[in-house]
Amino acid sequence: DCKGVKMRPTLAVLLLSVQPVLADPRLAGEFQGTIWSGVDAPGTTVLTVEPDGRIHGDYRYNDGAGEAGGRLTDCSYAILMLRCRWHDAFGSGPLVLRFAPDFQSFRGSWYDISLPEPHDRPEGGYLWTGSRPSG
């Protein structure tokens, strides 16, 4: 019987005890795939996970008119979803990638001002894919 027992708020204690979640080191590496740039262009994405858990990266692609590329910043990771901001000579915007459970590939989308919200889903934007090179 719980009559007369008062529940005390424990949210503050729980919030104070939560530790920051570090990025999964299996995100790091080189991925070959497609980055849409007016056409489905062959692209390479390289992700780095720092010892402190920060994630950043670089990418390059060739759309037939030549090679271009940029960097990925402000990345955050949770439950197979990586969210970053892409930056290159053409602008910047959100990137959302969903990784396979084995971290061997991802599929997602990049967004710019021409696309409707939400910018937090891996589909609905411009295609961005990658798989680890075999061998």
C-alpha atoms as a PDB file:
ATOM      1  CA  ASP A   1       0.000   0.000   0.000  1.00  0.00           C
ATOM      2  CA  CYS A   2       1.473   3.298  -1.092  1.00  0.00           C
ATOM      3  CA  LYS A   3      -1.013   5.623   0.592  1.00  0.00           C
ATOM      4  CA  GLY A   4       0.648   8.479   2.357  1.00  0.00           C
ATOM      5  CA  VAL A   5       3.941   8.048   0.454  1.00  0.00           C
ATOM      6  CA  LYS A   6       4.924  11.234  -1.312  1.00  0.00           C
ATOM      7  CA  MET A   7       6.895  11.025  -4.527  1.00  0.00           C
ATOM      8  CA  ARG A   8       9.736  13.517  -4.753  1.00  0.00           C
ATOM      9  CA  PRO A   9      10.921  14.958  -8.030  1.00  0.00           C
ATOM     10  CA  THR A  10      14.069  13.184  -9.116  1.00  0.00           C
ATOM     11  CA  LEU A  11      14.444  14.750 -12.549  1.00  0.00           C
ATOM     12  CA  ALA A  12      17.131  17.173 -11.334  1.00  0.00           C
ATOM     13  CA  VAL A  13      19.149  14.293  -9.910  1.00  0.00           C
ATOM     14  CA  LEU A  14      18.742  12.289 -13.114  1.00  0.00           C
ATOM     15  CA  LEU A  15      19.802  15.227 -15.264  1.00  0.00           C
ATOM     16  CA  LEU A  16      22.890  15.777 -13.157  1.00  0.00           C
ATOM     17  CA  SER A  17      23.897  12.126 -13.377  1.00  0.00           C
ATOM     18  CA  VAL A  18      23.610  11.782 -17.182  1.00  0.00           C
ATOM     19  CA  GLN A  19      26.998  11.479 -18.836  1.00  0.00           C
ATOM     20  CA  PRO A  20      27.596  12.825 -22.344  1.00  0.00           C
ATOM     21  CA  VAL A  21      27.431  10.106 -24.980  1.00  0.00           C
ATOM     22  CA  LEU A  22      30.556   9.875 -27.103  1.00  0.00           C
ATOM     23  CA  ALA A  23      30.319   9.211 -30.812  1.00  0.00           C
ATOM     24  CA  ASP A  24      30.748   5.636 -31.882  1.00  0.00           C
ATOM     25  CA  PRO A  25      34.305   5.245 -33.262  1.00  0.00           C
ATOM     26  CA  ARG A  26      32.928   2.887 -35.937  1.00  0.00           C
ATOM     27  CA  LEU A  27      31.663   6.006 -37.757  1.00  0.00           C
ATOM     28  CA  ALA A  28      35.222   6.916 -38.719  1.00  0.00           C
ATOM     29  CA  GLY A  29      36.615   6.073 -42.109  1.00  0.00           C
ATOM     30  CA  GLU A  30      36.226   6.505 -45.832  1.00  0.00           C
ATOM     31  CA  PHE A  31      32.996   5.816 -47.688  1.00  0.00           C
ATOM     32  CA  GLN A  32      32.476   5.675 -51.471  1.00  0.00           C
ATOM     33  CA  GLY A  33      29.060   6.456 -52.882  1.00  0.00           C
ATOM     34  CA  THR A  34      26.910   9.082 -54.521  1.00  0.00           C
ATOM     35  CA  ILE A  35      26.446  12.770 -53.748  1.00  0.00           C
ATOM     36  CA  TRP A  36      23.720  14.381 -55.840  1.00  0.00           C
ATOM     37  CA  SER A  37      24.935  17.567 -57.519  1.00  0.00           C
ATOM     38  CA  GLY A  38      22.599  18.102 -60.436  1.00  0.00           C
ATOM     39  CA  VAL A  39      23.440  14.486 -61.318  1.00  0.00           C
ATOM     40  CA  ASP A  40      24.207  11.447 -59.189  1.00  0.00           C
ATOM     41  CA  ALA A  41      27.914  12.189 -58.833  1.00  0.00           C
ATOM     42  CA  PRO A  42      30.449   9.662 -57.551  1.00  0.00           C
ATOM     43  CA  GLY A  43      31.579  10.881 -54.152  1.00  0.00           C
ATOM     44  CA  THR A  44      33.850  10.125 -51.231  1.00  0.00           C
ATOM     45  CA  THR A  45      33.001  10.977 -47.633  1.00  0.00           C
ATOM     46  CA  VAL A  46      35.684  10.780 -44.941  1.00  0.00           C
ATOM     47  CA  LEU A  47      34.549  10.918 -41.310  1.00  0.00           C
ATOM     48  CA  THR A  48      36.799  11.477 -38.311  1.00  0.00           C
ATOM     49  CA  VAL A  49      35.902  10.788 -34.680  1.00  0.00           C
ATOM     50  CA  GLU A  50      38.204  12.607 -32.260  1.00  0.00           C
ATOM     51  CA  PRO A  51      39.162  11.032 -28.891  1.00  0.00           C
ATOM     52  CA  ASP A  52      36.845  13.506 -27.146  1.00  0.00           C
ATOM     53  CA  GLY A  53      33.899  12.307 -29.285  1.00  0.00           C
ATOM     54  CA  ARG A  54      33.715  15.235 -31.691  1.00  0.00           C
ATOM     55  CA  ILE A  55      32.896  14.231 -35.271  1.00  0.00           C
ATOM     56  CA  HIS A  56      33.870  16.075 -38.438  1.00  0.00           C
ATOM     57  CA  GLY A  57      34.605  15.186 -42.011  1.00  0.00           C
ATOM     58  CA  ASP A  58      35.404  16.057 -45.582  1.00  0.00           C
ATOM     59  CA  TYR A  59      33.813  15.102 -48.875  1.00  0.00           C
ATOM     60  CA  ARG A  60      34.583  15.319 -52.553  1.00  0.00           C
ATOM     61  CA  TYR A  61      32.635  14.481 -55.674  1.00  0.00           C
ATOM     62  CA  ASN A  62      32.944  14.709 -59.443  1.00  0.00           C
ATOM     63  CA  ASP A  63      29.798  15.823 -61.261  1.00  0.00           C
ATOM     64  CA  GLY A  64      31.300  15.636 -64.742  1.00  0.00           C
ATOM     65  CA  ALA A  65      32.227  19.320 -64.709  1.00  0.00           C
ATOM     66  CA  GLY A  66      35.144  18.628 -62.382  1.00  0.00           C
ATOM     67  CA  GLU A  67      35.949  17.735 -58.823  1.00  0.00           C
ATOM     68  CA  ALA A  68      34.493  19.707 -55.933  1.00  0.00           C
ATOM     69  CA  GLY A  69      34.317  19.145 -52.226  1.00  0.00           C
ATOM     70  CA  GLY A  70      33.842  20.579 -48.827  1.00  0.00           C
ATOM     71  CA  ARG A  71      33.772  19.905 -45.123  1.00  0.00           C
ATOM     72  CA  LEU A  72      31.344  18.560 -42.547  1.00  0.00           C
ATOM     73  CA  THR A  73      31.049  20.345 -39.202  1.00  0.00           C
ATOM     74  CA  ASP A  74      28.752  20.568 -36.183  1.00  0.00           C
ATOM     75  CA  CYS A  75      28.134  16.829 -36.288  1.00  0.00           C
ATOM     76  CA  SER A  76      26.073  14.945 -33.730  1.00  0.00           C
ATOM     77  CA  TYR A  77      25.325  11.246 -33.539  1.00  0.00           C
ATOM     78  CA  ALA A  78      22.532   9.198 -31.923  1.00  0.00           C
ATOM     79  CA  ILE A  79      21.241   5.697 -32.659  1.00  0.00           C
ATOM     80  CA  LEU A  80      22.682   5.193 -36.169  1.00  0.00           C
ATOM     81  CA  MET A  81      21.799   8.773 -37.239  1.00  0.00           C
ATOM     82  CA  LEU A  82      24.519  11.297 -38.009  1.00  0.00           C
ATOM     83  CA  ARG A  83      23.598  14.944 -38.426  1.00  0.00           C
ATOM     84  CA  CYS A  84      26.159  17.447 -39.713  1.00  0.00           C
ATOM     85  CA  ARG A  85      26.390  20.718 -41.541  1.00  0.00           C
ATOM     86  CA  TRP A  86      27.951  20.611 -45.038  1.00  0.00           C
ATOM     87  CA  HIS A  87      29.992  23.564 -46.329  1.00  0.00           C
ATOM     88  CA  ASP A  88      31.397  24.067 -49.827  1.00  0.00           C
ATOM     89  CA  ALA A  89      31.793  26.695 -52.550  1.00  0.00           C
ATOM     90  CA  PHE A  90      28.062  26.460 -53.329  1.00  0.00           C
ATOM     91  CA  GLY A  91      26.741  27.058 -49.807  1.00  0.00           C
ATOM     92  CA  SER A  92      25.971  25.116 -46.672  1.00  0.00           C
ATOM     93  CA  GLY A  93      23.120  23.260 -45.030  1.00  0.00           C
ATOM     94  CA  PRO A  94      22.053  20.214 -43.034  1.00  0.00           C
ATOM     95  CA  LEU A  95      23.131  16.664 -43.801  1.00  0.00           C
ATOM     96  CA  VAL A  96      21.346  13.673 -42.244  1.00  0.00           C
ATOM     97  CA  LEU A  97      22.727  10.152 -42.680  1.00  0.00           C
ATOM     98  CA  ARG A  98      21.325   6.829 -41.438  1.00  0.00           C
ATOM     99  CA  PHE A  99      24.000   4.177 -40.917  1.00  0.00           C
ATOM    100  CA  ALA A 100      23.551   0.450 -41.325  1.00  0.00           C
ATOM    101  CA  PRO A 101      23.834  -1.391 -37.981  1.00  0.00           C
ATOM    102  CA  ASP A 102      27.291  -2.706 -38.976  1.00  0.00           C
ATOM    103  CA  PHE A 103      28.526   0.839 -39.875  1.00  0.00           C
ATOM    104  CA  GLN A 104      29.590  -0.390 -43.329  1.00  0.00           C
ATOM    105  CA  SER A 105      27.299   1.993 -45.209  1.00  0.00           C
ATOM    106  CA  PHE A 106      24.941   4.928 -44.908  1.00  0.00           C
ATOM    107  CA  ARG A 107      22.147   6.539 -46.884  1.00  0.00           C
ATOM    108  CA  GLY A 108      20.818  10.014 -46.360  1.00  0.00           C
ATOM    109  CA  SER A 109      20.134  13.469 -47.676  1.00  0.00           C
ATOM    110  CA  TRP A 110      21.611  16.906 -47.792  1.00  0.00           C
ATOM    111  CA  TYR A 111      19.389  19.957 -47.691  1.00  0.00           C
ATOM    112  CA  ASP A 112      19.640  23.556 -48.801  1.00  0.00           C
ATOM    113  CA  ILE A 113      17.286  26.527 -48.720  1.00  0.00           C
ATOM    114  CA  SER A 114      15.343  25.176 -51.732  1.00  0.00           C
ATOM    115  CA  LEU A 115      14.022  22.190 -49.763  1.00  0.00           C
ATOM    116  CA  PRO A 116      11.149  22.229 -47.290  1.00  0.00           C
ATOM    117  CA  GLU A 117      11.573  21.441 -43.623  1.00  0.00           C
ATOM    118  CA  PRO A 118      12.196  19.204 -41.789  1.00  0.00           C
ATOM    119  CA  HIS A 119      15.949  19.001 -42.259  1.00  0.00           C
ATOM    120  CA  ASP A 120      16.239  16.256 -39.660  1.00  0.00           C
ATOM    121  CA  ARG A 121      15.360  13.168 -41.698  1.00  0.00           C
ATOM    122  CA  PRO A 122      17.545  11.007 -43.895  1.00  0.00           C
ATOM    123  CA  GLU A 123      15.077  11.053 -46.774  1.00  0.00           C
ATOM    124  CA  GLY A 124      13.405  13.905 -48.605  1.00  0.00           C
ATOM    125  CA  GLY A 125      16.523  15.840 -49.531  1.00  0.00           C
ATOM    126  CA  TYR A 126      19.236  15.362 -52.117  1.00  0.00           C
ATOM    127  CA  LEU A 127      20.804  11.885 -52.145  1.00  0.00           C
ATOM    128  CA  TRP A 128      24.063  11.226 -50.253  1.00  0.00           C
ATOM    129  CA  THR A 129      25.244   7.616 -49.891  1.00  0.00           C
ATOM    130  CA  GLY A 130      28.393   5.784 -48.923  1.00  0.00           C
ATOM    131  CA  SER A 131      29.840   2.321 -48.414  1.00  0.00           C
ATOM    132  CA  ARG A 132      33.222   1.315 -47.114  1.00  0.00           C
ATOM    133  CA  PRO A 133      35.515   0.214 -49.935  1.00  0.00           C
ATOM    134  CA  SER A 134      35.892  -3.565 -50.002  1.00  0.00           C
ATOM    135  CA  GLY A 135      39.248  -5.181 -49.805  1.00  0.00           C
END
